[in-house]
Protein backbone atom coordinates (compact mmCIF):
# COMPACT_ATOMS: atom_id res chain seq x y z
CA ARG A 1 0.00 0.00 0.00
CA VAL A 2 2.86 2.39 0.78
CA VAL A 3 4.43 1.77 -2.62
CA ALA A 4 1.04 2.20 -4.33
CA SER A 5 0.55 5.52 -2.53
CA LEU A 6 4.05 6.67 -3.51
CA SER A 7 3.38 5.60 -7.07
CA SER A 8 0.20 7.65 -7.31
CA ALA A 9 1.88 10.64 -5.62
CA CYS A 10 4.79 10.59 -8.10
CA GLN A 11 2.61 10.13 -11.15
CA GLY A 12 3.54 12.64 -13.82
CA SER A 13 6.40 14.30 -11.94
CA ASN A 14 9.15 11.83 -12.89
CA THR A 15 8.40 8.91 -15.19
CA GLN A 16 11.55 7.01 -14.20
CA VAL A 17 10.58 7.07 -10.51
CA ALA A 18 6.96 6.23 -11.32
CA ASN A 19 7.99 3.26 -13.49
CA TYR A 20 10.39 2.01 -10.83
CA LEU A 21 7.67 2.27 -8.18
CA PHE A 22 5.25 0.39 -10.42
CA GLU A 23 7.79 -2.42 -10.94
CA ILE A 24 8.38 -2.73 -7.19
CA GLN A 25 4.63 -2.72 -6.58
CA GLN A 26 4.22 -5.58 -9.06
CA GLU A 27 7.05 -7.56 -7.46
CA LEU A 28 5.59 -7.04 -3.97
CA GLN A 29 2.26 -8.43 -5.10
CA HIS A 30 3.83 -11.58 -6.55
CA GLN A 31 6.56 -12.39 -4.01
CA LYS A 32 6.26 -13.78 -0.56
CA ASP A 33 9.87 -13.07 0.43
CA ILE A 34 10.38 -9.34 0.22
CA SER A 35 13.97 -9.44 1.50
CA THR A 36 15.10 -9.76 -2.13
CA LEU A 37 13.60 -6.34 -2.79
CA ILE A 38 15.70 -4.53 -0.17
CA PRO A 39 18.41 -3.46 -2.69
CA ARG A 40 15.72 -2.17 -5.05
CA LEU A 41 14.08 -0.26 -2.20
CA ALA A 42 17.45 1.35 -1.43
CA VAL A 43 17.73 2.44 -5.08
CA LEU A 44 14.17 3.77 -4.89
CA GLU A 45 15.03 5.74 -1.76
CA ARG A 46 17.99 7.34 -3.56
CA MET A 47 15.79 8.18 -6.56
CA LEU A 48 13.18 9.77 -4.30
CA LYS A 49 15.85 11.88 -2.58
CA GLN A 50 17.10 13.07 -5.96
CA GLN A 51 13.54 13.84 -7.01
CA SER A 52 13.03 15.80 -3.79
CA LYS A 53 16.17 17.88 -4.43
CA THR A 54 15.06 18.54 -8.00
CA MET A 55 11.63 19.67 -6.82
CA ASP A 56 13.24 21.99 -4.25
CA LYS A 57 15.39 23.57 -6.98
CA GLN A 58 12.37 23.98 -9.25
CA ASN A 59 10.41 25.60 -6.43
CA GLY A 60 13.31 27.98 -5.85
CA TYR A 61 13.43 28.90 -9.54
CA LEU A 62 9.65 29.38 -9.58
CA ASP A 63 9.86 31.63 -6.51
CA GLU A 64 12.59 33.74 -8.15
CA GLN A 65 10.59 34.00 -11.37
CA ILE A 66 7.42 35.03 -9.53
CA LYS A 67 9.36 37.70 -7.65
CA HIS A 68 11.11 38.98 -10.79
CA SER A 69 7.90 39.02 -12.84
CA GLY A 70 6.02 40.82 -10.09
CA GLU A 71 8.74 43.46 -9.79
CA THR A 72 8.75 43.93 -13.56
CA LEU A 73 4.99 44.44 -13.66
CA GLN A 74 5.16 46.90 -10.75
CA ARG A 75 7.44 49.13 -12.85
CA VAL A 76 4.94 49.35 -15.72
CA THR A 77 3.40 52.80 -15.85
CA GLY A 78 -0.21 53.47 -16.68
CA LEU A 79 -1.76 50.59 -14.76
CA PRO A 80 -4.72 51.30 -12.48
CA ALA A 81 -4.08 51.66 -8.75
CA GLN A 82 -6.31 48.69 -7.96
CA LEU A 83 -4.25 46.38 -10.20
CA LYS A 84 -0.99 47.61 -8.65
CA ARG A 85 -2.48 47.10 -5.17
CA GLU A 86 -3.46 43.53 -6.06
CA LEU A 87 0.07 42.95 -7.32
CA ARG A 88 1.63 44.36 -4.12
CA ASN A 89 -0.70 42.19 -2.03
CA LEU A 90 0.26 39.12 -4.05
CA MET A 91 3.97 39.87 -3.71
CA SER A 92 3.72 40.43 0.06
CA PHE A 93 1.57 37.29 0.31
CA SER A 94 4.27 35.30 -1.49
CA GLU A 95 6.84 36.31 1.11
CA VAL A 96 4.59 35.15 3.97
CA HIS A 97 3.11 31.99 2.40
CA ALA A 98 5.97 30.46 0.46
CA GLY A 99 4.29 27.06 0.10
CA LYS A 100 1.60 27.97 -2.42
CA LYS A 101 3.71 28.74 -5.47
CA VAL A 102 1.24 27.42 -8.05
CA ASP A 103 -1.54 29.62 -6.67
CA GLN A 104 0.77 32.64 -6.70
CA ALA A 105 1.90 31.95 -10.26
CA THR A 106 -1.72 31.56 -11.39
CA ARG A 107 -2.75 34.83 -9.74
CA LEU A 108 0.30 36.60 -11.19
CA LEU A 109 -0.60 35.34 -14.67
CA SER A 110 -4.13 36.63 -14.17
CA ILE A 111 -2.80 40.07 -13.19
CA TYR A 112 -0.47 40.04 -16.21
CA GLU A 113 -3.40 39.19 -18.49
CA ARG A 114 -5.43 42.10 -17.16
CA ALA A 115 -2.41 44.42 -17.43
CA ILE A 116 -1.88 43.42 -21.06
CA LYS A 117 -5.52 44.14 -21.86
CA ILE A 118 -5.25 47.57 -20.21
CA ILE A 119 -1.97 48.40 -21.96
CA THR A 120 -3.35 47.25 -25.30
CA SER A 121 -6.49 49.35 -24.99
CA ASN A 122 -4.47 52.37 -23.80
CA SER A 123 -1.99 52.04 -26.65
CA ARG A 124 -4.86 51.94 -29.17
CA LEU A 125 -6.21 55.18 -27.70
CA GLN A 126 -2.77 56.76 -27.79
CA LEU A 127 -2.23 55.55 -31.34
CA SER A 128 -5.44 57.17 -32.59
CA GLU A 129 -4.46 60.36 -30.72
CA PHE A 130 -1.00 60.09 -32.26
CA GLU A 131 -2.34 59.64 -35.80
CA ASN A 132 -4.48 62.78 -35.52
CA ASN A 133 -1.45 64.81 -34.41
CA PRO A 134 -0.05 67.20 -37.06
CA ASP A 135 3.52 66.52 -35.85
CA LYS A 136 3.13 62.79 -36.48
CA SER A 137 6.21 62.38 -38.71
CA GLN A 138 8.46 64.22 -36.25
CA LEU A 139 7.18 62.15 -33.34
CA GLU A 140 7.66 58.92 -35.32
CA CYS A 141 11.21 59.97 -36.14
CA LEU A 142 11.94 60.77 -32.49
CA ALA A 143 10.50 57.42 -31.37
CA VAL A 144 12.60 55.52 -33.93
CA ASP A 145 15.74 57.45 -32.94
CA LEU A 146 15.11 56.77 -29.26
CA GLN A 147 14.63 53.05 -29.96
CA HIS A 148 17.89 53.03 -31.93
CA THR A 149 19.72 54.81 -29.09
CA ILE A 150 18.41 52.32 -26.54
CA THR A 151 19.49 49.45 -28.79
CA GLU A 152 23.02 50.88 -28.93
CA LEU A 153 23.25 51.22 -25.14
CA ASP A 154 24.46 48.15 -23.30
CA PHE A 155 23.44 48.17 -19.65
CA GLU A 156 22.83 45.26 -17.34
CA GLY A 157 20.83 44.99 -14.17
CA GLU A 158 18.07 47.38 -13.23
CA CYS A 159 19.12 50.10 -15.73
CA GLY A 160 19.15 47.60 -18.56
CA GLU A 161 15.70 46.33 -17.60
CA ARG A 162 14.33 49.88 -17.49
CA LEU A 163 15.74 50.57 -20.94
CA LEU A 164 14.13 47.39 -22.27
CA ASP A 165 10.82 48.45 -20.71
CA ILE A 166 11.09 51.86 -22.38
CA ARG A 167 11.89 50.25 -25.72
CA ALA A 168 8.89 47.93 -25.39
CA LYS A 169 6.63 50.93 -24.73
CA LEU A 170 8.02 52.68 -27.80
CA LEU A 171 7.31 49.62 -29.91
CA LEU A 172 3.69 49.65 -28.69
CA GLY A 173 3.34 53.31 -29.62
CA VAL A 174 3.21 56.34 -27.36
CA ASN A 175 1.75 59.84 -27.47
CA ALA A 176 3.86 63.01 -27.57
CA GLU A 177 3.84 63.51 -23.81
CA SER A 178 4.88 59.92 -23.11
CA LEU A 179 7.61 60.14 -25.75
CA ILE A 180 9.12 63.15 -23.98
CA GLU A 181 8.96 61.37 -20.61
CA LEU A 182 10.56 58.23 -22.06
CA THR A 183 13.29 60.29 -23.71
CA LEU A 184 14.11 62.01 -20.43
CA SER A 185 14.09 58.68 -18.59
CA THR A 186 16.49 57.24 -21.13
CA LEU A 187 18.84 60.19 -20.84
């Protein structure tokens, strides 16, 4: 029963461990003397320890990615206060309740989805405003030049991420006021 429970718990996470558990389960059902299985159980124990270490590493990577993605979204301008508040609550929740990574990732994806919808609708409004502007060609030229300048700059860390964020906003399209702000931020 223990092996059957382990087998169902490991289903899908590691096929090698699951197959090995299934084989041991079959052997246990057909053998009366289980002492011959002791070496195989030792191998299984080692495999389970390796699987546990792998899962711990994956959880660590997931935690780092959730934190990084949350920080990135917090830097996006133009998002409603309620969405930013939800994001801050999620990020502070993740520090307190570290065990529910899947729930945090799902909520973060939901917030990202809403943010993308907001950004998309805002960029459409700004684009129509931009197209009705008499200085359209000058603004387009400035936006292209700023993108080119950002491409030529080679920064790492927080500055590099901010420049990439600015470049992404330029690619989406910005109005004259935003273009000036982005230019000043870049400088």
